[in-house]
Amino acid sequence: MQKQLKKLGLRPLDILIILILFICGILLTIRGARHKGSKICVNANGTHYEYSASQNGIYTVEGELGPTTFEIKNGLVRITDSPCPNKTCITQGWHNPLVCLPNKIIITVESEDELDAISE
């Protein structure tokens, strides 16, 4: 094993740094994907809607191809049904943002007190 690492030019500290960066990347991705907020913003075919993230329920908005249904639960959101051909938006799960390109729908979770790069 050590011969293979030397062949690649990696030392034990290099492997430790790579492992730490990999774990941090995974944790930041999970944190961003499962972001809870106070409102759900939906842009559907040029129309903007806002929903309370604290109101659990199933909602439908009209996209270019037809109605898209999404569920809000405990501050998270997921698409449950869409008329798009490949259904990639449904397989995204409880993610932020959710995008259905064929139906022109974008769903994001936002917080009222969220700071952007300029206001920080």
Protein backbone atom coordinates (compact mmCIF):
# COMPACT_ATOMS: atom_id res chain seq x y z
CA MET A 1 0.00 0.00 0.00
CA GLN A 2 2.77 2.45 0.91
CA LYS A 3 4.57 1.65 -2.35
CA GLN A 4 1.42 2.56 -4.29
CA LEU A 5 1.06 5.84 -2.37
CA LYS A 6 4.71 6.73 -3.00
CA LYS A 7 4.16 5.92 -6.67
CA LEU A 8 1.33 8.50 -6.70
CA GLY A 9 3.45 10.99 -4.76
CA LEU A 10 1.10 11.03 -1.74
CA ARG A 11 2.22 11.15 1.86
CA PRO A 12 0.09 10.20 4.90
CA LEU A 13 -0.62 13.88 5.67
CA ASP A 14 -1.83 14.42 2.10
CA ILE A 15 -4.33 11.60 2.49
CA LEU A 16 -5.54 13.04 5.82
CA ILE A 17 -6.09 16.47 4.25
CA ILE A 18 -7.95 14.94 1.29
CA LEU A 19 -10.15 12.94 3.66
CA ILE A 20 -10.97 16.01 5.80
CA LEU A 21 -11.86 18.07 2.71
CA PHE A 22 -14.04 15.24 1.40
CA ILE A 23 -15.96 14.96 4.69
CA CYS A 24 -16.41 18.74 4.91
CA GLY A 25 -17.75 18.79 1.35
CA ILE A 26 -20.28 16.09 2.13
CA LEU A 27 -21.44 17.84 5.32
CA LEU A 28 -21.84 21.20 3.56
CA THR A 29 -23.78 19.58 0.72
CA ILE A 30 -26.16 17.85 3.12
CA ARG A 31 -26.64 21.04 5.15
CA GLY A 32 -27.43 23.07 2.02
CA ALA A 33 -29.70 20.46 0.53
CA ARG A 34 -31.80 20.07 3.67
CA HIS A 35 -32.02 23.81 4.32
CA LYS A 36 -35.10 24.70 6.36
CA GLY A 37 -36.55 28.14 5.93
CA SER A 38 -39.52 30.31 6.72
CA LYS A 39 -40.94 30.61 3.21
CA ILE A 40 -41.12 28.61 0.01
CA CYS A 41 -40.72 30.63 -3.20
CA VAL A 42 -42.03 29.15 -6.42
CA ASN A 43 -41.40 30.55 -9.89
CA ALA A 44 -43.73 28.75 -12.26
CA ASN A 45 -43.68 29.69 -15.93
CA GLY A 46 -42.98 33.36 -15.14
CA THR A 47 -45.37 33.67 -12.18
CA HIS A 48 -44.05 34.03 -8.60
CA TYR A 49 -45.76 32.39 -5.59
CA GLU A 50 -44.83 32.35 -1.90
CA TYR A 51 -45.91 29.79 0.69
CA SER A 52 -45.27 29.58 4.41
CA ALA A 53 -42.75 26.86 5.23
CA SER A 54 -44.56 26.22 8.51
CA GLN A 55 -47.82 25.29 6.72
CA ASN A 56 -47.48 21.60 5.89
CA GLY A 57 -49.48 20.61 2.83
CA ILE A 58 -49.60 19.61 -0.79
CA TYR A 59 -49.83 22.39 -3.39
CA THR A 60 -50.11 22.59 -7.16
CA VAL A 61 -48.84 25.25 -9.56
CA GLU A 62 -49.32 25.48 -13.30
CA GLY A 63 -46.19 25.17 -15.45
CA GLU A 64 -45.66 25.30 -19.18
CA LEU A 65 -46.47 21.58 -19.65
CA GLY A 66 -49.17 21.36 -16.98
CA PRO A 67 -49.62 21.17 -13.21
CA THR A 68 -46.71 20.37 -10.89
CA THR A 69 -47.50 19.18 -7.37
CA PHE A 70 -45.14 19.75 -4.44
CA GLU A 71 -45.23 19.00 -0.74
CA ILE A 72 -44.16 21.25 2.13
CA LYS A 73 -43.36 19.44 5.36
CA ASN A 74 -41.50 20.74 8.42
CA GLY A 75 -39.85 23.59 6.49
CA LEU A 76 -38.67 21.34 3.65
CA VAL A 77 -40.09 20.94 0.15
CA ARG A 78 -40.14 18.26 -2.56
CA ILE A 79 -41.86 17.79 -5.92
CA THR A 80 -44.28 14.86 -5.86
CA ASP A 81 -45.75 14.96 -9.38
CA SER A 82 -44.94 16.70 -12.64
CA PRO A 83 -45.93 16.30 -16.30
CA CYS A 84 -42.31 16.48 -17.49
CA PRO A 85 -41.07 13.46 -19.49
CA ASN A 86 -38.02 12.38 -17.45
CA LYS A 87 -39.28 13.10 -13.87
CA THR A 88 -35.81 14.19 -12.68
CA CYS A 89 -37.42 16.87 -10.51
CA ILE A 90 -39.29 14.20 -8.53
CA THR A 91 -36.14 12.18 -7.87
CA GLN A 92 -34.41 15.25 -6.34
CA GLY A 93 -36.24 14.58 -3.07
CA TRP A 94 -36.20 17.08 -0.20
CA HIS A 95 -33.68 19.39 -1.83
CA ASN A 96 -33.06 23.10 -2.24
CA PRO A 97 -33.45 24.42 -4.90
CA LEU A 98 -35.80 22.18 -6.86
CA VAL A 99 -35.87 22.66 -10.61
CA CYS A 100 -38.14 21.25 -13.30
CA LEU A 101 -36.69 22.65 -16.53
CA PRO A 102 -39.22 21.21 -19.01
CA ASN A 103 -42.14 22.63 -17.01
CA LYS A 104 -40.26 25.90 -16.17
CA ILE A 105 -40.62 25.62 -12.39
CA ILE A 106 -38.06 26.58 -9.74
CA ILE A 107 -38.77 26.09 -6.03
CA THR A 108 -36.48 27.53 -3.34
CA VAL A 109 -36.54 27.56 0.46
CA GLU A 110 -35.70 30.97 1.91
CA SER A 111 -35.43 32.48 5.38
CA GLU A 112 -36.73 35.90 6.34
CA ASP A 113 -33.54 36.72 8.24
CA GLU A 114 -31.16 35.22 5.69
CA LEU A 115 -28.15 37.40 4.91
CA ASP A 116 -26.56 37.63 1.52
CA ALA A 117 -22.90 38.28 0.78
CA ILE A 118 -23.37 42.04 0.62
CA SER A 119 -25.33 42.49 3.88
CA GLU A 120 -22.96 40.31 5.88
